[in-house]
Amino acid sequence: MKCGNYDLTIFIELFQILYAEHLRTNGIPLETFGYSLSGGLDLDQNGYPDLMIGAYDVDTVVLLRARPIINITTSVEPAANLQNIDPSRMGCAKHPNANYTWQANFIC
């Protein structure tokens, strides 16, 4: 999807695949994992949901801790330029007849 000169592509392909043989628990390499999953809890209290994966062949679980990979600080100046987004309003200034709702933010 394009808006002006900007490409607004949403990537659906996988960027990270976890293989059991790349992980170790207590020095023991894993052969299999994923029989049971538990996620959505922040076990290390860093503000990100972690994932526990059962490794039945070594009778244990593996904790995969989530962490930020990028930090972004935003601001709108002057504050009068800040506007609410109306999700029922379709289109944008450059494409007012578009049949989708979206917002673009440009970072410099």
PDB file of N, CA and C in Angstrom:
ATOM      1  N   MET A   1       0.847  -1.154   0.000  1.00  0.00           N
ATOM      2  CA  MET A   1       0.000   0.000   0.000  1.00  0.00           C
ATOM      3  C   MET A   1       0.905   1.233   0.000  1.00  0.00           C
ATOM      4  N   LYS A   2       0.531   2.248  -0.747  1.00  0.00           N
ATOM      5  CA  LYS A   2       1.324   3.465  -0.806  1.00  0.00           C
ATOM      6  C   LYS A   2       0.466   4.666  -0.442  1.00  0.00           C
ATOM      7  N   CYS A   3       1.095   5.623   0.189  1.00  0.00           N
ATOM      8  CA  CYS A   3       0.478   6.921   0.442  1.00  0.00           C
ATOM      9  C   CYS A   3       1.526   7.943   0.075  1.00  0.00           C
ATOM     10  N   GLY A   4       1.312   8.651  -1.017  1.00  0.00           N
ATOM     11  CA  GLY A   4       2.337   9.568  -1.503  1.00  0.00           C
ATOM     12  C   GLY A   4       3.570   8.783  -1.890  1.00  0.00           C
ATOM     13  N   ASN A   5       4.713   9.173  -1.374  1.00  0.00           N
ATOM     14  CA  ASN A   5       5.977   8.484  -1.675  1.00  0.00           C
ATOM     15  C   ASN A   5       6.316   7.409  -0.653  1.00  0.00           C
ATOM     16  N   TYR A   6       5.421   7.139   0.298  1.00  0.00           N
ATOM     17  CA  TYR A   6       5.733   6.213   1.381  1.00  0.00           C
ATOM     18  C   TYR A   6       5.107   4.850   1.136  1.00  0.00           C
ATOM     19  N   ASP A   7       5.916   3.800   1.320  1.00  0.00           N
ATOM     20  CA  ASP A   7       5.452   2.420   1.196  1.00  0.00           C
ATOM     21  C   ASP A   7       4.983   1.962   2.571  1.00  0.00           C
ATOM     22  N   LEU A   8       3.721   1.570   2.684  1.00  0.00           N
ATOM     23  CA  LEU A   8       3.146   1.163   3.958  1.00  0.00           C
ATOM     24  C   LEU A   8       2.927  -0.343   4.004  1.00  0.00           C
ATOM     25  N   THR A   9       3.917  -1.105   3.581  1.00  0.00           N
ATOM     26  CA  THR A   9       3.819  -2.553   3.509  1.00  0.00           C
ATOM     27  C   THR A   9       3.782  -3.167   4.903  1.00  0.00           C
ATOM     28  N   ILE A  10       2.894  -4.107   5.101  1.00  0.00           N
ATOM     29  CA  ILE A  10       2.847  -4.893   6.333  1.00  0.00           C
ATOM     30  C   ILE A  10       3.446  -6.253   6.018  1.00  0.00           C
ATOM     31  N   PHE A  11       4.506  -6.614   6.728  1.00  0.00           N
ATOM     32  CA  PHE A  11       5.192  -7.876   6.474  1.00  0.00           C
ATOM     33  C   PHE A  11       4.520  -8.998   7.254  1.00  0.00           C
ATOM     34  N   ILE A  12       4.236 -10.100   6.573  1.00  0.00           N
ATOM     35  CA  ILE A  12       3.576 -11.240   7.205  1.00  0.00           C
ATOM     36  C   ILE A  12       4.557 -12.404   7.378  1.00  0.00           C
ATOM     37  N   GLU A  13       5.704 -12.359   6.754  1.00  0.00           N
ATOM     38  CA  GLU A  13       6.666 -13.458   6.833  1.00  0.00           C
ATOM     39  C   GLU A  13       7.308 -13.530   8.225  1.00  0.00           C
ATOM     40  N   LEU A  14       7.823 -14.690   8.571  1.00  0.00           N
ATOM     41  CA  LEU A  14       8.466 -14.898   9.863  1.00  0.00           C
ATOM     42  C   LEU A  14       9.838 -14.254   9.885  1.00  0.00           C
ATOM     43  N   PHE A  15      10.172 -13.598  10.991  1.00  0.00           N
ATOM     44  CA  PHE A  15      11.487 -12.996  11.134  1.00  0.00           C
ATOM     45  C   PHE A  15      12.338 -13.718  12.169  1.00  0.00           C
ATOM     46  N   GLN A  16      11.719 -14.526  12.998  1.00  0.00           N
ATOM     47  CA  GLN A  16      12.474 -15.265  14.001  1.00  0.00           C
ATOM     48  C   GLN A  16      11.827 -16.628  14.200  1.00  0.00           C
ATOM     49  N   ILE A  17      12.636 -17.675  14.095  1.00  0.00           N
ATOM     50  CA  ILE A  17      12.173 -19.031  14.330  1.00  0.00           C
ATOM     51  C   ILE A  17      13.057 -19.629  15.418  1.00  0.00           C
ATOM     52  N   LEU A  18      12.436 -20.213  16.420  1.00  0.00           N
ATOM     53  CA  LEU A  18      13.176 -20.820  17.516  1.00  0.00           C
ATOM     54  C   LEU A  18      13.226 -22.330  17.325  1.00  0.00           C
ATOM     55  N   TYR A  19      14.412 -22.881  17.356  1.00  0.00           N
ATOM     56  CA  TYR A  19      14.604 -24.325  17.236  1.00  0.00           C
ATOM     57  C   TYR A  19      15.091 -24.870  18.569  1.00  0.00           C
ATOM     58  N   ALA A  20      14.560 -26.002  18.990  1.00  0.00           N
ATOM     59  CA  ALA A  20      14.938 -26.602  20.269  1.00  0.00           C
ATOM     60  C   ALA A  20      16.432 -26.852  20.351  1.00  0.00           C
ATOM     61  N   GLU A  21      17.050 -27.306  19.279  1.00  0.00           N
ATOM     62  CA  GLU A  21      18.477 -27.647  19.322  1.00  0.00           C
ATOM     63  C   GLU A  21      19.381 -26.434  19.530  1.00  0.00           C
ATOM     64  N   HIS A  22      18.839 -25.210  19.411  1.00  0.00           N
ATOM     65  CA  HIS A  22      19.630 -24.006  19.661  1.00  0.00           C
ATOM     66  C   HIS A  22      19.600 -23.598  21.138  1.00  0.00           C
ATOM     67  N   LEU A  23      18.800 -24.295  21.939  1.00  0.00           N
ATOM     68  CA  LEU A  23      18.658 -23.947  23.353  1.00  0.00           C
ATOM     69  C   LEU A  23      19.224 -25.051  24.243  1.00  0.00           C
ATOM     70  N   ARG A  24      19.655 -24.659  25.432  1.00  0.00           N
ATOM     71  CA  ARG A  24      20.157 -25.605  26.428  1.00  0.00           C
ATOM     72  C   ARG A  24      19.509 -25.283  27.764  1.00  0.00           C
ATOM     73  N   THR A  25      19.319 -26.290  28.570  1.00  0.00           N
ATOM     74  CA  THR A  25      18.857 -26.090  29.936  1.00  0.00           C
ATOM     75  C   THR A  25      19.766 -26.902  30.848  1.00  0.00           C
ATOM     76  N   ASN A  26      20.374 -26.245  31.789  1.00  0.00           N
ATOM     77  CA  ASN A  26      21.356 -26.873  32.683  1.00  0.00           C
ATOM     78  C   ASN A  26      22.457 -27.575  31.894  1.00  0.00           C
ATOM     79  N   GLY A  27      22.863 -26.976  30.789  1.00  0.00           N
ATOM     80  CA  GLY A  27      23.925 -27.541  29.962  1.00  0.00           C
ATOM     81  C   GLY A  27      23.492 -28.683  29.064  1.00  0.00           C
ATOM     82  N   ILE A  28      22.238 -29.076  29.152  1.00  0.00           N
ATOM     83  CA  ILE A  28      21.722 -30.191  28.348  1.00  0.00           C
ATOM     84  C   ILE A  28      21.033 -29.625  27.103  1.00  0.00           C
ATOM     85  N   PRO A  29      21.482 -30.025  25.918  1.00  0.00           N
ATOM     86  CA  PRO A  29      20.807 -29.530  24.703  1.00  0.00           C
ATOM     87  C   PRO A  29      19.406 -30.137  24.590  1.00  0.00           C
ATOM     88  N   LEU A  30      18.481 -29.333  24.120  1.00  0.00           N
ATOM     89  CA  LEU A  30      17.114 -29.808  23.936  1.00  0.00           C
ATOM     90  C   LEU A  30      16.974 -30.469  22.574  1.00  0.00           C
ATOM     91  N   GLU A  31      16.173 -31.501  22.512  1.00  0.00           N
ATOM     92  CA  GLU A  31      15.871 -32.145  21.232  1.00  0.00           C
ATOM     93  C   GLU A  31      14.494 -31.733  20.731  1.00  0.00           C
ATOM     94  N   THR A  32      13.600 -31.510  21.661  1.00  0.00           N
ATOM     95  CA  THR A  32      12.233 -31.106  21.311  1.00  0.00           C
ATOM     96  C   THR A  32      11.744 -30.116  22.353  1.00  0.00           C
ATOM     97  N   PHE A  33      10.779 -29.319  21.954  1.00  0.00           N
ATOM     98  CA  PHE A  33      10.057 -28.490  22.902  1.00  0.00           C
ATOM     99  C   PHE A  33       8.775 -28.010  22.254  1.00  0.00           C
ATOM    100  N   GLY A  34       7.923 -27.410  23.076  1.00  0.00           N
ATOM    101  CA  GLY A  34       6.690 -26.868  22.540  1.00  0.00           C
ATOM    102  C   GLY A  34       5.466 -27.712  22.802  1.00  0.00           C
ATOM    103  N   TYR A  35       5.584 -28.720  23.635  1.00  0.00           N
ATOM    104  CA  TYR A  35       4.415 -29.534  23.959  1.00  0.00           C
ATOM    105  C   TYR A  35       3.399 -28.694  24.708  1.00  0.00           C
ATOM    106  N   SER A  36       3.878 -27.787  25.545  1.00  0.00           N
ATOM    107  CA  SER A  36       2.979 -26.867  26.233  1.00  0.00           C
ATOM    108  C   SER A  36       3.617 -25.480  26.247  1.00  0.00           C
ATOM    109  N   LEU A  37       2.774 -24.463  26.091  1.00  0.00           N
ATOM    110  CA  LEU A  37       3.225 -23.079  26.069  1.00  0.00           C
ATOM    111  C   LEU A  37       2.458 -22.287  27.108  1.00  0.00           C
ATOM    112  N   SER A  38       3.119 -21.318  27.704  1.00  0.00           N
ATOM    113  CA  SER A  38       2.451 -20.409  28.617  1.00  0.00           C
ATOM    114  C   SER A  38       3.037 -19.027  28.381  1.00  0.00           C
ATOM    115  N   GLY A  39       2.206 -18.079  28.016  1.00  0.00           N
ATOM    116  CA  GLY A  39       2.698 -16.739  27.733  1.00  0.00           C
ATOM    117  C   GLY A  39       1.777 -15.682  28.297  1.00  0.00           C
ATOM    118  N   GLY A  40       2.166 -14.448  28.080  1.00  0.00           N
ATOM    119  CA  GLY A  40       1.348 -13.335  28.513  1.00  0.00           C
ATOM    120  C   GLY A  40       1.666 -12.833  29.907  1.00  0.00           C
ATOM    121  N   LEU A  41       2.560 -13.506  30.623  1.00  0.00           N
ATOM    122  CA  LEU A  41       2.950 -13.058  31.957  1.00  0.00           C
ATOM    123  C   LEU A  41       4.342 -12.453  31.903  1.00  0.00           C
ATOM    124  N   ASP A  42       4.545 -11.408  32.663  1.00  0.00           N
ATOM    125  CA  ASP A  42       5.852 -10.759  32.739  1.00  0.00           C
ATOM    126  C   ASP A  42       6.609 -11.331  33.932  1.00  0.00           C
ATOM    127  N   LEU A  43       7.305 -12.432  33.734  1.00  0.00           N
ATOM    128  CA  LEU A  43       7.958 -13.140  34.834  1.00  0.00           C
ATOM    129  C   LEU A  43       9.182 -12.419  35.379  1.00  0.00           C
ATOM    130  N   ASP A  44       9.902 -11.679  34.528  1.00  0.00           N
ATOM    131  CA  ASP A  44      11.088 -10.970  35.003  1.00  0.00           C
ATOM    132  C   ASP A  44      10.813  -9.494  35.287  1.00  0.00           C
ATOM    133  N   GLN A  45       9.553  -9.093  35.234  1.00  0.00           N
ATOM    134  CA  GLN A  45       9.089  -7.756  35.595  1.00  0.00           C
ATOM    135  C   GLN A  45       9.818  -6.640  34.854  1.00  0.00           C
ATOM    136  N   ASN A  46      10.030  -6.840  33.532  1.00  0.00           N
ATOM    137  CA  ASN A  46      10.651  -5.788  32.730  1.00  0.00           C
ATOM    138  C   ASN A  46       9.639  -5.080  31.830  1.00  0.00           C
ATOM    139  N   GLY A  47       8.351  -5.393  31.998  1.00  0.00           N
ATOM    140  CA  GLY A  47       7.315  -4.723  31.230  1.00  0.00           C
ATOM    141  C   GLY A  47       6.945  -5.416  29.933  1.00  0.00           C
ATOM    142  N   TYR A  48       7.517  -6.586  29.651  1.00  0.00           N
ATOM    143  CA  TYR A  48       7.241  -7.315  28.417  1.00  0.00           C
ATOM    144  C   TYR A  48       6.804  -8.743  28.748  1.00  0.00           C
ATOM    145  N   PRO A  49       5.804  -9.283  28.025  1.00  0.00           N
ATOM    146  CA  PRO A  49       5.334 -10.640  28.325  1.00  0.00           C
ATOM    147  C   PRO A  49       6.362 -11.693  27.918  1.00  0.00           C
ATOM    148  N   ASP A  50       6.644 -12.613  28.823  1.00  0.00           N
ATOM    149  CA  ASP A  50       7.614 -13.676  28.569  1.00  0.00           C
ATOM    150  C   ASP A  50       6.884 -14.945  28.131  1.00  0.00           C
ATOM    151  N   LEU A  51       7.644 -15.943  27.673  1.00  0.00           N
ATOM    152  CA  LEU A  51       7.067 -17.187  27.174  1.00  0.00           C
ATOM    153  C   LEU A  51       7.786 -18.362  27.815  1.00  0.00           C
ATOM    154  N   MET A  52       7.012 -19.288  28.382  1.00  0.00           N
ATOM    155  CA  MET A  52       7.575 -20.527  28.905  1.00  0.00           C
ATOM    156  C   MET A  52       7.170 -21.653  27.968  1.00  0.00           C
ATOM    157  N   ILE A  53       8.139 -22.500  27.624  1.00  0.00           N
ATOM    158  CA  ILE A  53       7.900 -23.598  26.694  1.00  0.00           C
ATOM    159  C   ILE A  53       8.300 -24.898  27.368  1.00  0.00           C
ATOM    160  N   GLY A  54       7.393 -25.852  27.362  1.00  0.00           N
ATOM    161  CA  GLY A  54       7.685 -27.158  27.936  1.00  0.00           C
ATOM    162  C   GLY A  54       8.635 -27.955  27.054  1.00  0.00           C
ATOM    163  N   ALA A  55       9.645 -28.566  27.686  1.00  0.00           N
ATOM    164  CA  ALA A  55      10.601 -29.431  26.988  1.00  0.00           C
ATOM    165  C   ALA A  55      10.474 -30.820  27.607  1.00  0.00           C
ATOM    166  N   TYR A  56       9.549 -31.613  27.084  1.00  0.00           N
ATOM    167  CA  TYR A  56       9.197 -32.886  27.729  1.00  0.00           C
ATOM    168  C   TYR A  56      10.324 -33.915  27.706  1.00  0.00           C
ATOM    169  N   ASP A  57      11.218 -33.843  26.726  1.00  0.00           N
ATOM    170  CA  ASP A  57      12.273 -34.860  26.651  1.00  0.00           C
ATOM    171  C   ASP A  57      13.315 -34.730  27.749  1.00  0.00           C
ATOM    172  N   VAL A  58      13.429 -33.550  28.379  1.00  0.00           N
ATOM    173  CA  VAL A  58      14.343 -33.369  29.512  1.00  0.00           C
ATOM    174  C   VAL A  58      13.576 -32.976  30.771  1.00  0.00           C
ATOM    175  N   ASP A  59      12.241 -33.151  30.742  1.00  0.00           N
ATOM    176  CA  ASP A  59      11.386 -32.943  31.904  1.00  0.00           C
ATOM    177  C   ASP A  59      11.617 -31.576  32.549  1.00  0.00           C
ATOM    178  N   THR A  60      11.544 -30.522  31.737  1.00  0.00           N
ATOM    179  CA  THR A  60      11.774 -29.175  32.246  1.00  0.00           C
ATOM    180  C   THR A  60      11.026 -28.161  31.387  1.00  0.00           C
ATOM    181  N   VAL A  61      11.144 -26.902  31.743  1.00  0.00           N
ATOM    182  CA  VAL A  61      10.593 -25.817  30.931  1.00  0.00           C
ATOM    183  C   VAL A  61      11.709 -24.843  30.604  1.00  0.00           C
ATOM    184  N   VAL A  62      11.512 -24.110  29.524  1.00  0.00           N
ATOM    185  CA  VAL A  62      12.466 -23.087  29.106  1.00  0.00           C
ATOM    186  C   VAL A  62      11.754 -21.747  29.179  1.00  0.00           C
ATOM    187  N   LEU A  63      12.378 -20.775  29.817  1.00  0.00           N
ATOM    188  CA  LEU A  63      11.835 -19.428  29.899  1.00  0.00           C
ATOM    189  C   LEU A  63      12.513 -18.566  28.841  1.00  0.00           C
ATOM    190  N   LEU A  64      11.725 -18.046  27.924  1.00  0.00           N
ATOM    191  CA  LEU A  64      12.228 -17.112  26.922  1.00  0.00           C
ATOM    192  C   LEU A  64      11.765 -15.728  27.353  1.00  0.00           C
ATOM    193  N   ARG A  65      12.720 -14.905  27.767  1.00  0.00           N
ATOM    194  CA  ARG A  65      12.394 -13.572  28.268  1.00  0.00           C
ATOM    195  C   ARG A  65      12.332 -12.581  27.116  1.00  0.00           C
ATOM    196  N   ALA A  66      11.247 -11.805  27.083  1.00  0.00           N
ATOM    197  CA  ALA A  66      11.094 -10.784  26.061  1.00  0.00           C
ATOM    198  C   ALA A  66      11.808  -9.520  26.513  1.00  0.00           C
ATOM    199  N   ARG A  67      12.322  -8.773  25.536  1.00  0.00           N
ATOM    200  CA  ARG A  67      12.987  -7.516  25.842  1.00  0.00           C
ATOM    201  C   ARG A  67      12.794  -6.571  24.666  1.00  0.00           C
ATOM    202  N   PRO A  68      12.924  -5.288  24.899  1.00  0.00           N
ATOM    203  CA  PRO A  68      12.765  -4.344  23.787  1.00  0.00           C
ATOM    204  C   PRO A  68      13.959  -4.431  22.842  1.00  0.00           C
ATOM    205  N   ILE A  69      13.696  -4.262  21.563  1.00  0.00           N
ATOM    206  CA  ILE A  69      14.795  -4.231  20.599  1.00  0.00           C
ATOM    207  C   ILE A  69      14.979  -2.836  20.011  1.00  0.00           C
ATOM    208  N   ILE A  70      14.016  -1.955  20.304  1.00  0.00           N
ATOM    209  CA  ILE A  70      14.123  -0.573  19.858  1.00  0.00           C
ATOM    210  C   ILE A  70      13.347   0.293  20.842  1.00  0.00           C
ATOM    211  N   ASN A  71      13.859   1.441  21.137  1.00  0.00           N
ATOM    212  CA  ASN A  71      13.172   2.401  22.000  1.00  0.00           C
ATOM    213  C   ASN A  71      12.881   3.647  21.175  1.00  0.00           C
ATOM    214  N   ILE A  72      11.652   4.108  21.235  1.00  0.00           N
ATOM    215  CA  ILE A  72      11.249   5.288  20.482  1.00  0.00           C
ATOM    216  C   ILE A  72      10.652   6.298  21.448  1.00  0.00           C
ATOM    217  N   THR A  73      11.104   7.527  21.358  1.00  0.00           N
ATOM    218  CA  THR A  73      10.529   8.624  22.115  1.00  0.00           C
ATOM    219  C   THR A  73       9.832   9.545  21.127  1.00  0.00           C
ATOM    220  N   THR A  74       8.594   9.894  21.415  1.00  0.00           N
ATOM    221  CA  THR A  74       7.830  10.725  20.495  1.00  0.00           C
ATOM    222  C   THR A  74       7.420  12.032  21.145  1.00  0.00           C
ATOM    223  N   SER A  75       7.171  12.997  20.295  1.00  0.00           N
ATOM    224  CA  SER A  75       6.636  14.268  20.767  1.00  0.00           C
ATOM    225  C   SER A  75       5.906  14.933  19.611  1.00  0.00           C
ATOM    226  N   VAL A  76       4.968  15.782  19.944  1.00  0.00           N
ATOM    227  CA  VAL A  76       4.241  16.566  18.950  1.00  0.00           C
ATOM    228  C   VAL A  76       4.428  18.022  19.324  1.00  0.00           C
ATOM    229  N   GLU A  77       4.995  18.773  18.403  1.00  0.00           N
ATOM    230  CA  GLU A  77       5.228  20.192  18.671  1.00  0.00           C
ATOM    231  C   GLU A  77       4.769  21.009  17.481  1.00  0.00           C
ATOM    232  N   PRO A  78       4.047  22.033  17.657  1.00  0.00           N
ATOM    233  CA  PRO A  78       3.420  22.448  18.911  1.00  0.00           C
ATOM    234  C   PRO A  78       2.287  21.506  19.285  1.00  0.00           C
ATOM    235  N   ALA A  79       1.941  21.476  20.546  1.00  0.00           N
ATOM    236  CA  ALA A  79       0.914  20.559  21.056  1.00  0.00           C
ATOM    237  C   ALA A  79      -0.429  20.772  20.368  1.00  0.00           C
ATOM    238  N   ALA A  80      -0.665  21.943  19.814  1.00  0.00           N
ATOM    239  CA  ALA A  80      -1.926  22.224  19.118  1.00  0.00           C
ATOM    240  C   ALA A  80      -2.080  21.344  17.872  1.00  0.00           C
ATOM    241  N   ASN A  81      -0.993  20.771  17.358  1.00  0.00           N
ATOM    242  CA  ASN A  81      -1.053  19.904  16.176  1.00  0.00           C
ATOM    243  C   ASN A  81      -1.523  18.492  16.509  1.00  0.00           C
ATOM    244  N   LEU A  82      -1.618  18.142  17.767  1.00  0.00           N
ATOM    245  CA  LEU A  82      -2.049  16.810  18.189  1.00  0.00           C
ATOM    246  C   LEU A  82      -3.546  16.664  17.936  1.00  0.00           C
ATOM    247  N   GLN A  83      -3.941  15.616  17.216  1.00  0.00           N
ATOM    248  CA  GLN A  83      -5.339  15.399  16.877  1.00  0.00           C
ATOM    249  C   GLN A  83      -5.738  13.977  17.240  1.00  0.00           C
ATOM    250  N   ASN A  84      -6.992  13.805  17.654  1.00  0.00           N
ATOM    251  CA  ASN A  84      -7.523  12.469  17.906  1.00  0.00           C
ATOM    252  C   ASN A  84      -7.763  11.765  16.583  1.00  0.00           C
ATOM    253  N   ILE A  85      -7.667  10.447  16.595  1.00  0.00           N
ATOM    254  CA  ILE A  85      -7.935   9.640  15.410  1.00  0.00           C
ATOM    255  C   ILE A  85      -9.373   9.163  15.480  1.00  0.00           C
ATOM    256  N   ASP A  86     -10.119   9.366  14.420  1.00  0.00           N
ATOM    257  CA  ASP A  86     -11.507   8.915  14.347  1.00  0.00           C
ATOM    258  C   ASP A  86     -11.529   7.617  13.541  1.00  0.00           C
ATOM    259  N   PRO A  87     -11.662   6.444  14.194  1.00  0.00           N
ATOM    260  CA  PRO A  87     -11.596   5.171  13.465  1.00  0.00           C
ATOM    261  C   PRO A  87     -12.758   4.962  12.502  1.00  0.00           C
ATOM    262  N   SER A  88     -13.821   5.754  12.627  1.00  0.00           N
ATOM    263  CA  SER A  88     -14.945   5.598  11.698  1.00  0.00           C
ATOM    264  C   SER A  88     -14.763   6.442  10.437  1.00  0.00           C
ATOM    265  N   ARG A  89     -13.759   7.307  10.431  1.00  0.00           N
ATOM    266  CA  ARG A  89     -13.504   8.164   9.272  1.00  0.00           C
ATOM    267  C   ARG A  89     -12.512   7.475   8.340  1.00  0.00           C
ATOM    268  N   MET A  90     -12.908   7.256   7.124  1.00  0.00           N
ATOM    269  CA  MET A  90     -12.055   6.577   6.150  1.00  0.00           C
ATOM    270  C   MET A  90     -11.161   7.585   5.429  1.00  0.00           C
ATOM    271  N   GLY A  91     -10.072   7.061   4.847  1.00  0.00           N
ATOM    272  CA  GLY A  91      -9.199   7.889   4.014  1.00  0.00           C
ATOM    273  C   GLY A  91      -8.235   8.739   4.815  1.00  0.00           C
ATOM    274  N   CYS A  92      -7.530   9.584   4.074  1.00  0.00           N
ATOM    275  CA  CYS A  92      -6.572  10.506   4.662  1.00  0.00           C
ATOM    276  C   CYS A  92      -6.548  11.766   3.795  1.00  0.00           C
ATOM    277  N   ALA A  93      -5.738  12.734   4.178  1.00  0.00           N
ATOM    278  CA  ALA A  93      -5.706  14.002   3.444  1.00  0.00           C
ATOM    279  C   ALA A  93      -5.322  13.799   1.979  1.00  0.00           C
ATOM    280  N   LYS A  94      -4.347  12.910   1.720  1.00  0.00           N
ATOM    281  CA  LYS A  94      -3.907  12.689   0.332  1.00  0.00           C
ATOM    282  C   LYS A  94      -4.827  11.763  -0.442  1.00  0.00           C
ATOM    283  N   HIS A  95      -5.536  10.869   0.263  1.00  0.00           N
ATOM    284  CA  HIS A  95      -6.429   9.894  -0.376  1.00  0.00           C
ATOM    285  C   HIS A  95      -7.775   9.888   0.348  1.00  0.00           C
ATOM    286  N   PRO A  96      -8.566  10.940   0.208  1.00  0.00           N
ATOM    287  CA  PRO A  96      -9.811  11.036   0.978  1.00  0.00           C
ATOM    288  C   PRO A  96     -10.853   9.982   0.615  1.00  0.00           C
ATOM    289  N   ASN A  97     -10.750   9.350  -0.544  1.00  0.00           N
ATOM    290  CA  ASN A  97     -11.731   8.345  -0.960  1.00  0.00           C
ATOM    291  C   ASN A  97     -11.292   6.917  -0.649  1.00  0.00           C
ATOM    292  N   ALA A  98     -10.171   6.746   0.040  1.00  0.00           N
ATOM    293  CA  ALA A  98      -9.689   5.408   0.386  1.00  0.00           C
ATOM    294  C   ALA A  98     -10.695   4.732   1.318  1.00  0.00           C
ATOM    295  N   ASN A  99     -10.829   3.408   1.209  1.00  0.00           N
ATOM    296  CA  ASN A  99     -11.810   2.686   2.021  1.00  0.00           C
ATOM    297  C   ASN A  99     -11.173   2.021   3.238  1.00  0.00           C
ATOM    298  N   TYR A 100     -10.152   2.616   3.801  1.00  0.00           N
ATOM    299  CA  TYR A 100      -9.514   2.095   5.005  1.00  0.00           C
ATOM    300  C   TYR A 100      -9.144   3.271   5.907  1.00  0.00           C
ATOM    301  N   THR A 101      -8.967   2.971   7.173  1.00  0.00           N
ATOM    302  CA  THR A 101      -8.565   3.974   8.148  1.00  0.00           C
ATOM    303  C   THR A 101      -7.124   3.688   8.543  1.00  0.00           C
ATOM    304  N   TRP A 102      -6.289   4.684   8.594  1.00  0.00           N
ATOM    305  CA  TRP A 102      -4.905   4.481   8.994  1.00  0.00           C
ATOM    306  C   TRP A 102      -4.290   5.803   9.412  1.00  0.00           C
ATOM    307  N   GLN A 103      -3.167   5.697  10.075  1.00  0.00           N
ATOM    308  CA  GLN A 103      -2.414   6.878  10.458  1.00  0.00           C
ATOM    309  C   GLN A 103      -0.954   6.601  10.166  1.00  0.00           C
ATOM    310  N   ALA A 104      -0.258   7.549   9.598  1.00  0.00           N
ATOM    311  CA  ALA A 104       1.170   7.402   9.327  1.00  0.00           C
ATOM    312  C   ALA A 104       1.947   8.329  10.246  1.00  0.00           C
ATOM    313  N   ASN A 105       3.025   7.829  10.797  1.00  0.00           N
ATOM    314  CA  ASN A 105       3.926   8.636  11.609  1.00  0.00           C
ATOM    315  C   ASN A 105       5.296   8.580  10.965  1.00  0.00           C
ATOM    316  N   PHE A 106       5.897   9.695  10.790  1.00  0.00           N
ATOM    317  CA  PHE A 106       7.203   9.749  10.141  1.00  0.00           C
ATOM    318  C   PHE A 106       8.241  10.177  11.173  1.00  0.00           C
ATOM    319  N   ILE A 107       9.313   9.434  11.232  1.00  0.00           N
ATOM    320  CA  ILE A 107      10.342   9.640  12.251  1.00  0.00           C
ATOM    321  C   ILE A 107      11.591  10.182  11.587  1.00  0.00           C
ATOM    322  N   CYS A 108      12.164  11.179  12.189  1.00  0.00           N
ATOM    323  CA  CYS A 108      13.436  11.682  11.659  1.00  0.00           C
ATOM    324  C   CYS A 108      14.410  11.879  12.795  1.00  0.00           C
TER     325      CYS A 108
END
